[in-house]
């Protein structure tokens, strides 16, 4: 399956979380692209020990955090695609989520208010292949965010907070 083009005025994060067992070391990964398919941001982050459901929720949270730290949040709609139907369902309906996920989901509810617009979609794993491949990579590596700006690759070792992006 190929990447689906967007309307102008939108950016799309394809995200994926992976855990090596239940619970085991886990990581989250994502790729942000513009309407022409150009890669704008790639992230890869270890989240410690988690089960697959938590990894899938935290992948979406990470996409929100990164997008909020970027200038696009004020004039571009964020579209997030995940291959986890549970994570997509819980992100749009916090009240139906398991209680242990609600802390993260309530944080995301606050983050959504800082966006120009947002949407989340469930996609098949095949359509999310690039993010899936990244997520199955080394789960214990340093946290990495790569931002592409004018053809120049900027690589950051980062930590994120609700206040935004902190470059180490």
N, C-alpha and C. Protein backbone atom coordinates (compact mmCIF):
# COMPACT_ATOMS: atom_id res chain seq x y z
N UNK A 1 0.84 -1.18 0.00
CA UNK A 1 0.00 0.00 0.00
C UNK A 1 0.89 1.24 0.00
N UNK A 2 0.45 2.27 -0.68
CA UNK A 2 1.21 3.50 -0.79
C UNK A 2 0.69 4.55 0.17
N UNK A 3 1.57 5.53 0.45
CA UNK A 3 1.21 6.65 1.30
C UNK A 3 0.12 7.46 0.62
N UNK A 4 -0.92 7.81 1.37
CA UNK A 4 -2.05 8.56 0.82
C UNK A 4 -1.78 10.05 0.90
N UNK A 5 -1.88 10.73 -0.25
CA UNK A 5 -1.65 12.18 -0.29
C UNK A 5 -2.71 12.92 0.52
N UNK A 6 -2.33 14.10 0.96
CA UNK A 6 -3.18 14.95 1.79
C UNK A 6 -3.63 16.19 1.02
N UNK A 7 -4.64 16.84 1.55
CA UNK A 7 -5.01 18.16 1.04
C UNK A 7 -4.01 19.17 1.57
N UNK A 8 -3.78 20.25 0.82
CA UNK A 8 -2.90 21.31 1.32
C UNK A 8 -3.48 21.84 2.62
N UNK A 9 -2.59 22.23 3.52
CA UNK A 9 -3.02 22.72 4.82
C UNK A 9 -3.04 21.65 5.88
N UNK A 10 -2.57 20.45 5.52
CA UNK A 10 -2.52 19.33 6.47
C UNK A 10 -1.13 18.73 6.50
N UNK A 11 -0.77 18.21 7.65
CA UNK A 11 0.45 17.42 7.82
C UNK A 11 0.03 16.11 8.46
N UNK A 12 0.70 15.02 8.09
CA UNK A 12 0.29 13.71 8.59
C UNK A 12 1.44 13.01 9.30
N UNK A 13 1.16 12.55 10.52
CA UNK A 13 2.07 11.70 11.29
C UNK A 13 1.61 10.26 11.13
N UNK A 14 2.46 9.40 10.59
CA UNK A 14 2.24 7.96 10.67
C UNK A 14 3.04 7.50 11.87
N UNK A 15 2.38 6.87 12.83
CA UNK A 15 3.03 6.50 14.08
C UNK A 15 2.87 5.01 14.35
N UNK A 16 3.80 4.48 15.15
CA UNK A 16 3.71 3.08 15.55
C UNK A 16 4.47 2.88 16.84
N UNK A 17 3.90 2.09 17.72
CA UNK A 17 4.57 1.70 18.95
C UNK A 17 4.81 0.20 18.91
N UNK A 18 5.86 -0.23 19.57
CA UNK A 18 6.17 -1.66 19.60
C UNK A 18 6.70 -2.04 20.97
N UNK A 19 6.32 -3.22 21.42
CA UNK A 19 6.81 -3.78 22.68
C UNK A 19 7.26 -5.21 22.40
N UNK A 20 8.39 -5.58 22.95
CA UNK A 20 8.90 -6.94 22.76
C UNK A 20 8.38 -7.84 23.88
N UNK A 21 7.10 -8.12 23.84
CA UNK A 21 6.49 -8.95 24.87
C UNK A 21 5.49 -8.11 25.66
N UNK A 22 5.04 -8.66 26.79
CA UNK A 22 3.98 -8.00 27.55
C UNK A 22 4.22 -8.12 29.04
N UNK A 23 4.63 -7.14 29.75
CA UNK A 23 5.31 -5.93 29.31
C UNK A 23 6.81 -6.18 29.14
N UNK A 24 7.38 -5.48 28.22
CA UNK A 24 8.80 -5.59 27.88
C UNK A 24 9.30 -4.23 27.41
N UNK A 25 10.61 -4.13 27.08
CA UNK A 25 11.11 -2.87 26.53
C UNK A 25 10.28 -2.46 25.31
N UNK A 26 9.97 -1.17 25.26
CA UNK A 26 9.08 -0.68 24.20
C UNK A 26 9.61 0.63 23.62
N UNK A 27 9.15 0.92 22.42
CA UNK A 27 9.55 2.16 21.77
C UNK A 27 8.43 2.69 20.90
N UNK A 28 8.52 3.97 20.59
CA UNK A 28 7.55 4.62 19.71
C UNK A 28 8.30 5.31 18.59
N UNK A 29 7.68 5.34 17.41
CA UNK A 29 8.31 5.93 16.24
C UNK A 29 7.25 6.65 15.42
N UNK A 30 7.68 7.62 14.64
CA UNK A 30 6.74 8.30 13.77
C UNK A 30 7.41 9.11 12.69
N UNK A 31 6.64 9.38 11.65
CA UNK A 31 7.11 10.16 10.50
C UNK A 31 6.04 11.20 10.19
N UNK A 32 6.44 12.47 10.12
CA UNK A 32 5.54 13.56 9.76
C UNK A 32 5.85 13.98 8.32
N UNK A 33 4.80 14.01 7.48
CA UNK A 33 4.96 14.40 6.07
C UNK A 33 3.96 15.50 5.73
N UNK A 34 4.33 16.29 4.71
CA UNK A 34 3.43 17.33 4.23
C UNK A 34 2.56 16.79 3.10
N UNK A 35 1.77 17.67 2.48
CA UNK A 35 0.82 17.24 1.45
C UNK A 35 1.48 16.67 0.20
N UNK A 36 2.75 16.99 -0.03
CA UNK A 36 3.45 16.43 -1.19
C UNK A 36 4.19 15.14 -0.84
N UNK A 37 4.13 14.72 0.42
CA UNK A 37 4.80 13.49 0.85
C UNK A 37 6.20 13.72 1.37
N UNK A 38 6.65 14.99 1.38
CA UNK A 38 7.99 15.30 1.87
C UNK A 38 8.07 15.08 3.37
N UNK A 39 9.11 14.36 3.81
CA UNK A 39 9.30 14.08 5.23
C UNK A 39 9.76 15.35 5.93
N UNK A 40 9.06 15.72 7.00
CA UNK A 40 9.39 16.91 7.79
C UNK A 40 10.06 16.55 9.11
N UNK A 41 9.58 15.48 9.76
CA UNK A 41 10.11 15.06 11.06
C UNK A 41 10.06 13.54 11.13
N UNK A 42 11.10 12.97 11.72
CA UNK A 42 11.11 11.54 12.07
C UNK A 42 11.47 11.47 13.55
N UNK A 43 10.71 10.69 14.32
CA UNK A 43 11.09 10.51 15.72
C UNK A 43 11.18 9.04 16.07
N UNK A 44 12.01 8.76 17.06
CA UNK A 44 12.24 7.41 17.55
C UNK A 44 12.57 7.54 19.02
N UNK A 45 11.84 6.84 19.87
CA UNK A 45 12.02 7.02 21.31
C UNK A 45 11.75 5.74 22.07
N UNK A 46 12.63 5.42 23.00
CA UNK A 46 12.39 4.32 23.93
C UNK A 46 11.46 4.84 25.01
N UNK A 47 10.48 4.02 25.42
CA UNK A 47 9.56 4.44 26.48
C UNK A 47 9.69 3.55 27.71
N UNK A 48 10.76 2.77 27.77
CA UNK A 48 10.95 1.89 28.92
C UNK A 48 10.14 0.62 28.78
N UNK A 49 9.62 0.14 29.89
CA UNK A 49 8.84 -1.10 29.90
C UNK A 49 7.36 -0.77 29.75
N UNK A 50 6.71 -1.44 28.79
CA UNK A 50 5.29 -1.18 28.54
C UNK A 50 4.69 -2.36 27.79
N UNK A 51 3.36 -2.45 27.81
CA UNK A 51 2.68 -3.41 26.94
C UNK A 51 2.36 -2.72 25.62
N UNK A 52 1.85 -3.48 24.67
CA UNK A 52 1.63 -2.92 23.33
C UNK A 52 0.56 -1.82 23.34
N UNK A 53 -0.48 -1.95 24.16
CA UNK A 53 -1.51 -0.91 24.20
C UNK A 53 -0.96 0.42 24.70
N UNK A 54 -0.13 0.38 25.75
CA UNK A 54 0.47 1.61 26.25
C UNK A 54 1.42 2.20 25.21
N UNK A 55 2.20 1.35 24.55
CA UNK A 55 3.11 1.84 23.51
C UNK A 55 2.33 2.56 22.41
N UNK A 56 1.19 2.00 22.03
CA UNK A 56 0.39 2.61 20.97
C UNK A 56 -0.23 3.94 21.41
N UNK A 57 -0.62 4.07 22.67
CA UNK A 57 -1.13 5.35 23.18
C UNK A 57 0.00 6.38 23.24
N UNK A 58 1.17 5.96 23.73
CA UNK A 58 2.27 6.90 23.87
C UNK A 58 2.83 7.35 22.53
N UNK A 59 2.67 6.54 21.48
CA UNK A 59 3.10 6.98 20.15
C UNK A 59 2.27 8.19 19.71
N UNK A 60 0.99 8.13 19.97
CA UNK A 60 0.09 9.22 19.59
C UNK A 60 0.39 10.46 20.43
N UNK A 61 0.61 10.26 21.71
CA UNK A 61 0.96 11.37 22.60
C UNK A 61 2.24 12.05 22.13
N UNK A 62 3.22 11.27 21.74
CA UNK A 62 4.49 11.83 21.27
C UNK A 62 4.28 12.67 20.00
N UNK A 63 3.43 12.20 19.10
CA UNK A 63 3.13 12.96 17.89
C UNK A 63 2.50 14.31 18.25
N UNK A 64 1.57 14.32 19.20
CA UNK A 64 0.97 15.58 19.66
C UNK A 64 2.04 16.50 20.26
N UNK A 65 2.90 15.96 21.12
CA UNK A 65 3.94 16.77 21.77
C UNK A 65 4.86 17.41 20.74
N UNK A 66 5.32 16.63 19.79
CA UNK A 66 6.24 17.15 18.78
C UNK A 66 5.54 18.20 17.93
N UNK A 67 4.34 17.91 17.48
CA UNK A 67 3.61 18.85 16.63
C UNK A 67 3.36 20.17 17.36
N UNK A 68 3.05 20.11 18.64
CA UNK A 68 2.83 21.33 19.42
C UNK A 68 4.08 22.18 19.54
N UNK A 69 5.26 21.57 19.43
CA UNK A 69 6.52 22.30 19.53
C UNK A 69 6.93 22.94 18.20
N UNK A 70 6.20 22.66 17.14
CA UNK A 70 6.55 23.15 15.80
C UNK A 70 5.65 24.31 15.38
N UNK A 71 6.16 25.14 14.46
CA UNK A 71 5.41 26.31 14.01
C UNK A 71 4.14 25.95 13.25
N UNK A 72 4.04 24.76 12.70
CA UNK A 72 2.88 24.37 11.90
C UNK A 72 1.59 24.26 12.70
N UNK A 73 1.68 24.09 14.00
CA UNK A 73 0.49 23.87 14.83
C UNK A 73 -0.54 24.98 14.70
N UNK A 74 -0.07 26.18 14.33
CA UNK A 74 -0.97 27.34 14.29
C UNK A 74 -1.75 27.48 12.98
N UNK A 75 -1.31 26.81 11.91
CA UNK A 75 -1.98 27.00 10.63
C UNK A 75 -2.11 25.74 9.78
N UNK A 76 -1.74 24.59 10.32
CA UNK A 76 -1.87 23.32 9.60
C UNK A 76 -2.67 22.34 10.45
N UNK A 77 -3.51 21.56 9.80
CA UNK A 77 -4.25 20.51 10.50
C UNK A 77 -3.32 19.31 10.68
N UNK A 78 -3.36 18.71 11.85
CA UNK A 78 -2.59 17.50 12.13
C UNK A 78 -3.48 16.28 11.89
N UNK A 79 -2.98 15.36 11.09
CA UNK A 79 -3.63 14.07 10.90
C UNK A 79 -2.68 13.02 11.44
N UNK A 80 -3.18 12.16 12.30
CA UNK A 80 -2.37 11.07 12.85
C UNK A 80 -2.96 9.77 12.34
N UNK A 81 -2.10 8.89 11.82
CA UNK A 81 -2.52 7.56 11.39
C UNK A 81 -1.78 6.52 12.23
N UNK A 82 -2.55 5.61 12.80
CA UNK A 82 -2.02 4.54 13.63
C UNK A 82 -2.65 3.22 13.21
N UNK A 83 -1.89 2.14 13.34
CA UNK A 83 -2.46 0.83 13.01
C UNK A 83 -3.09 0.15 14.22
N UNK A 84 -3.22 0.89 15.32
CA UNK A 84 -3.88 0.36 16.52
C UNK A 84 -5.31 0.89 16.60
N UNK A 85 -6.28 0.02 16.33
CA UNK A 85 -7.68 0.45 16.40
C UNK A 85 -8.06 0.85 17.82
N UNK A 86 -7.50 0.16 18.82
CA UNK A 86 -7.79 0.52 20.22
C UNK A 86 -7.30 1.93 20.53
N UNK A 87 -6.06 2.23 20.17
CA UNK A 87 -5.50 3.56 20.46
C UNK A 87 -6.30 4.66 19.78
N UNK A 88 -6.71 4.43 18.54
CA UNK A 88 -7.51 5.42 17.81
C UNK A 88 -8.85 5.62 18.52
N UNK A 89 -9.49 4.52 18.89
CA UNK A 89 -10.79 4.57 19.58
C UNK A 89 -10.67 5.31 20.92
N UNK A 90 -9.64 5.00 21.70
CA UNK A 90 -9.46 5.61 23.01
C UNK A 90 -9.09 7.08 22.92
N UNK A 91 -8.35 7.46 21.87
CA UNK A 91 -7.96 8.86 21.71
C UNK A 91 -9.17 9.74 21.42
N UNK A 92 -10.17 9.19 20.78
CA UNK A 92 -11.37 9.97 20.48
C UNK A 92 -12.47 9.77 21.53
N UNK A 93 -12.33 8.78 22.39
CA UNK A 93 -13.33 8.51 23.42
C UNK A 93 -12.69 8.09 24.72
N UNK A 94 -12.17 9.06 25.47
CA UNK A 94 -11.45 8.79 26.71
C UNK A 94 -12.28 7.96 27.68
N UNK A 95 -13.58 8.18 27.72
CA UNK A 95 -14.43 7.49 28.70
C UNK A 95 -14.52 5.98 28.47
N UNK A 96 -14.19 5.51 27.28
CA UNK A 96 -14.24 4.06 27.02
C UNK A 96 -12.88 3.39 27.16
N UNK A 97 -11.86 4.18 27.47
CA UNK A 97 -10.50 3.64 27.59
C UNK A 97 -10.29 2.97 28.95
N UNK A 98 -9.39 1.98 29.01
CA UNK A 98 -9.05 1.39 30.31
C UNK A 98 -8.50 2.48 31.25
N UNK A 99 -8.79 2.35 32.52
CA UNK A 99 -8.40 3.38 33.49
C UNK A 99 -6.91 3.66 33.47
N UNK A 100 -6.08 2.62 33.24
CA UNK A 100 -4.62 2.83 33.29
C UNK A 100 -4.11 3.67 32.12
N UNK A 101 -4.93 3.90 31.11
CA UNK A 101 -4.54 4.73 29.96
C UNK A 101 -5.03 6.17 30.10
N UNK A 102 -5.95 6.40 31.00
CA UNK A 102 -6.64 7.70 31.05
C UNK A 102 -5.72 8.87 31.38
N UNK A 103 -4.69 8.65 32.19
CA UNK A 103 -3.74 9.72 32.50
C UNK A 103 -3.16 10.30 31.22
N UNK A 104 -2.72 9.42 30.34
CA UNK A 104 -2.10 9.85 29.08
C UNK A 104 -3.14 10.47 28.15
N UNK A 105 -4.31 9.88 28.11
CA UNK A 105 -5.37 10.37 27.23
C UNK A 105 -5.88 11.74 27.67
N UNK A 106 -5.96 11.97 28.97
CA UNK A 106 -6.38 13.28 29.47
C UNK A 106 -5.34 14.35 29.15
N UNK A 107 -4.05 13.98 29.20
CA UNK A 107 -3.00 14.91 28.77
C UNK A 107 -3.20 15.28 27.31
N UNK A 108 -3.50 14.28 26.48
CA UNK A 108 -3.71 14.54 25.06
C UNK A 108 -4.93 15.43 24.83
N UNK A 109 -5.96 15.28 25.65
CA UNK A 109 -7.14 16.15 25.52
C UNK A 109 -6.74 17.61 25.67
N UNK A 110 -5.86 17.90 26.63
CA UNK A 110 -5.39 19.28 26.82
C UNK A 110 -4.54 19.73 25.63
N UNK A 111 -3.71 18.83 25.10
CA UNK A 111 -2.85 19.17 23.96
C UNK A 111 -3.66 19.53 22.73
N UNK A 112 -4.74 18.81 22.51
CA UNK A 112 -5.58 19.03 21.32
C UNK A 112 -6.08 20.47 21.24
N UNK A 113 -6.27 21.10 22.39
CA UNK A 113 -6.78 22.47 22.42
C UNK A 113 -5.79 23.47 21.84
N UNK A 114 -4.51 23.12 21.78
CA UNK A 114 -3.49 24.01 21.24
C UNK A 114 -3.26 23.86 19.75
N UNK A 115 -4.08 23.06 19.09
CA UNK A 115 -3.88 22.79 17.66
C UNK A 115 -4.89 23.55 16.80
N UNK A 116 -4.48 23.88 15.59
CA UNK A 116 -5.36 24.51 14.59
C UNK A 116 -6.51 23.56 14.27
N UNK A 117 -6.20 22.28 14.15
CA UNK A 117 -7.18 21.23 13.89
C UNK A 117 -6.47 19.89 13.95
N UNK A 118 -7.21 18.84 14.18
CA UNK A 118 -6.59 17.52 14.23
C UNK A 118 -7.61 16.46 13.87
N UNK A 119 -7.08 15.31 13.49
CA UNK A 119 -7.89 14.14 13.13
C UNK A 119 -7.02 12.91 13.38
N UNK A 120 -7.64 11.82 13.79
CA UNK A 120 -6.90 10.57 13.94
C UNK A 120 -7.62 9.50 13.14
N UNK A 121 -6.82 8.64 12.50
CA UNK A 121 -7.38 7.59 11.64
C UNK A 121 -6.71 6.26 11.94
N UNK A 122 -7.51 5.21 11.81
CA UNK A 122 -6.96 3.86 11.87
C UNK A 122 -6.58 3.45 10.46
N UNK A 123 -5.38 2.90 10.31
CA UNK A 123 -4.93 2.37 9.01
C UNK A 123 -4.40 0.96 9.22
N UNK A 124 -4.41 0.18 8.17
CA UNK A 124 -3.83 -1.16 8.23
C UNK A 124 -2.33 -1.06 8.40
N UNK A 125 -1.74 -2.04 9.03
CA UNK A 125 -0.29 -2.05 9.25
C UNK A 125 0.48 -1.87 7.94
N UNK A 126 -0.03 -2.45 6.85
CA UNK A 126 0.65 -2.34 5.56
C UNK A 126 0.73 -0.88 5.10
N UNK A 127 -0.28 -0.08 5.41
CA UNK A 127 -0.28 1.33 5.03
C UNK A 127 0.63 2.15 5.94
N UNK A 128 1.01 1.59 7.05
CA UNK A 128 1.82 2.28 8.05
C UNK A 128 3.22 1.65 8.10
N UNK A 129 3.65 1.08 7.01
CA UNK A 129 4.85 0.25 6.98
C UNK A 129 6.12 0.96 7.43
N UNK A 130 6.32 2.21 7.00
CA UNK A 130 7.55 2.90 7.35
C UNK A 130 7.64 3.12 8.86
N UNK A 131 6.56 3.55 9.49
CA UNK A 131 6.55 3.74 10.94
C UNK A 131 6.69 2.40 11.66
N UNK A 132 6.06 1.36 11.13
CA UNK A 132 6.13 0.02 11.71
C UNK A 132 7.57 -0.49 11.69
N UNK A 133 8.26 -0.29 10.57
CA UNK A 133 9.65 -0.73 10.44
C UNK A 133 10.54 0.00 11.44
N UNK A 134 10.34 1.30 11.58
CA UNK A 134 11.12 2.07 12.56
C UNK A 134 10.88 1.57 13.97
N UNK A 135 9.62 1.28 14.30
CA UNK A 135 9.27 0.87 15.66
C UNK A 135 9.87 -0.47 16.03
N UNK A 136 10.07 -1.33 15.05
CA UNK A 136 10.62 -2.65 15.33
C UNK A 136 12.14 -2.64 15.36
N UNK A 137 12.74 -1.45 15.18
CA UNK A 137 14.19 -1.31 15.26
C UNK A 137 14.65 -1.46 16.69
N UNK A 138 15.84 -1.04 16.97
CA UNK A 138 16.38 -1.15 18.31
C UNK A 138 15.55 -0.30 19.26
N UNK A 139 14.95 -0.93 20.26
CA UNK A 139 14.04 -0.23 21.16
C UNK A 139 14.74 0.51 22.28
N UNK A 140 16.00 0.24 22.51
CA UNK A 140 16.70 0.84 23.64
C UNK A 140 17.67 1.94 23.22
N UNK A 141 17.54 2.46 22.01
CA UNK A 141 18.45 3.49 21.55
C UNK A 141 18.10 4.84 22.17
N UNK A 142 18.97 5.83 21.94
CA UNK A 142 18.70 7.18 22.44
C UNK A 142 17.45 7.73 21.77
N UNK A 143 16.81 8.66 22.44
CA UNK A 143 15.65 9.32 21.85
C UNK A 143 16.14 10.24 20.74
N UNK A 144 15.55 10.10 19.56
CA UNK A 144 16.02 10.86 18.40
C UNK A 144 14.85 11.54 17.72
N UNK A 145 15.05 12.79 17.37
CA UNK A 145 14.11 13.50 16.51
C UNK A 145 14.93 14.08 15.37
N UNK A 146 14.51 13.82 14.16
CA UNK A 146 15.16 14.39 12.99
C UNK A 146 14.16 15.34 12.33
N UNK A 147 14.55 16.58 12.20
CA UNK A 147 13.69 17.56 11.53
C UNK A 147 14.37 17.97 10.24
N UNK A 148 13.63 17.92 9.16
CA UNK A 148 14.17 18.29 7.86
C UNK A 148 13.70 19.70 7.54
N UNK A 149 14.65 20.57 7.28
CA UNK A 149 14.32 21.97 7.03
C UNK A 149 15.08 22.45 5.80
N UNK A 150 14.35 22.74 4.73
CA UNK A 150 14.98 23.23 3.52
C UNK A 150 16.04 22.29 2.97
N UNK A 151 15.79 20.99 3.06
CA UNK A 151 16.74 20.01 2.56
C UNK A 151 17.88 19.72 3.52
N UNK A 152 17.91 20.41 4.66
CA UNK A 152 18.97 20.20 5.66
C UNK A 152 18.40 19.34 6.77
N UNK A 153 19.13 18.31 7.12
CA UNK A 153 18.70 17.40 8.18
C UNK A 153 19.24 17.88 9.51
N UNK A 154 18.35 18.11 10.45
CA UNK A 154 18.74 18.52 11.79
C UNK A 154 18.44 17.35 12.73
N UNK A 155 19.43 16.87 13.43
CA UNK A 155 19.26 15.72 14.32
C UNK A 155 19.38 16.19 15.75
N UNK A 156 18.39 15.86 16.58
CA UNK A 156 18.38 16.28 17.97
C UNK A 156 18.27 15.06 18.88
N UNK A 157 18.98 15.09 19.97
CA UNK A 157 18.70 14.17 21.06
C UNK A 157 17.82 14.99 21.99
N UNK A 158 16.61 14.53 22.20
CA UNK A 158 15.61 15.40 22.82
C UNK A 158 14.88 14.74 23.97
N UNK A 159 14.29 15.58 24.77
CA UNK A 159 13.26 15.13 25.68
C UNK A 159 12.10 16.09 25.49
N UNK A 160 10.90 15.61 25.73
CA UNK A 160 9.72 16.42 25.49
C UNK A 160 8.96 16.60 26.79
N UNK A 161 8.34 17.73 26.90
CA UNK A 161 7.47 18.00 28.03
C UNK A 161 6.27 18.76 27.49
N UNK A 162 5.29 18.98 28.33
CA UNK A 162 4.13 19.74 27.88
C UNK A 162 4.51 21.17 27.52
N UNK A 163 5.66 21.64 28.01
CA UNK A 163 6.11 22.99 27.68
C UNK A 163 6.71 23.06 26.28
N UNK A 164 7.03 21.93 25.67
CA UNK A 164 7.56 21.93 24.31
C UNK A 164 8.80 21.10 24.15
N UNK A 165 9.55 21.43 23.13
CA UNK A 165 10.73 20.68 22.74
C UNK A 165 11.94 21.20 23.50
N UNK A 166 12.70 20.33 24.10
CA UNK A 166 13.92 20.70 24.79
C UNK A 166 15.07 20.01 24.08
N UNK A 167 16.00 20.78 23.54
CA UNK A 167 17.14 20.20 22.84
C UNK A 167 18.26 20.02 23.85
N UNK A 168 18.79 18.81 23.94
CA UNK A 168 19.86 18.50 24.90
C UNK A 168 21.22 18.81 24.33
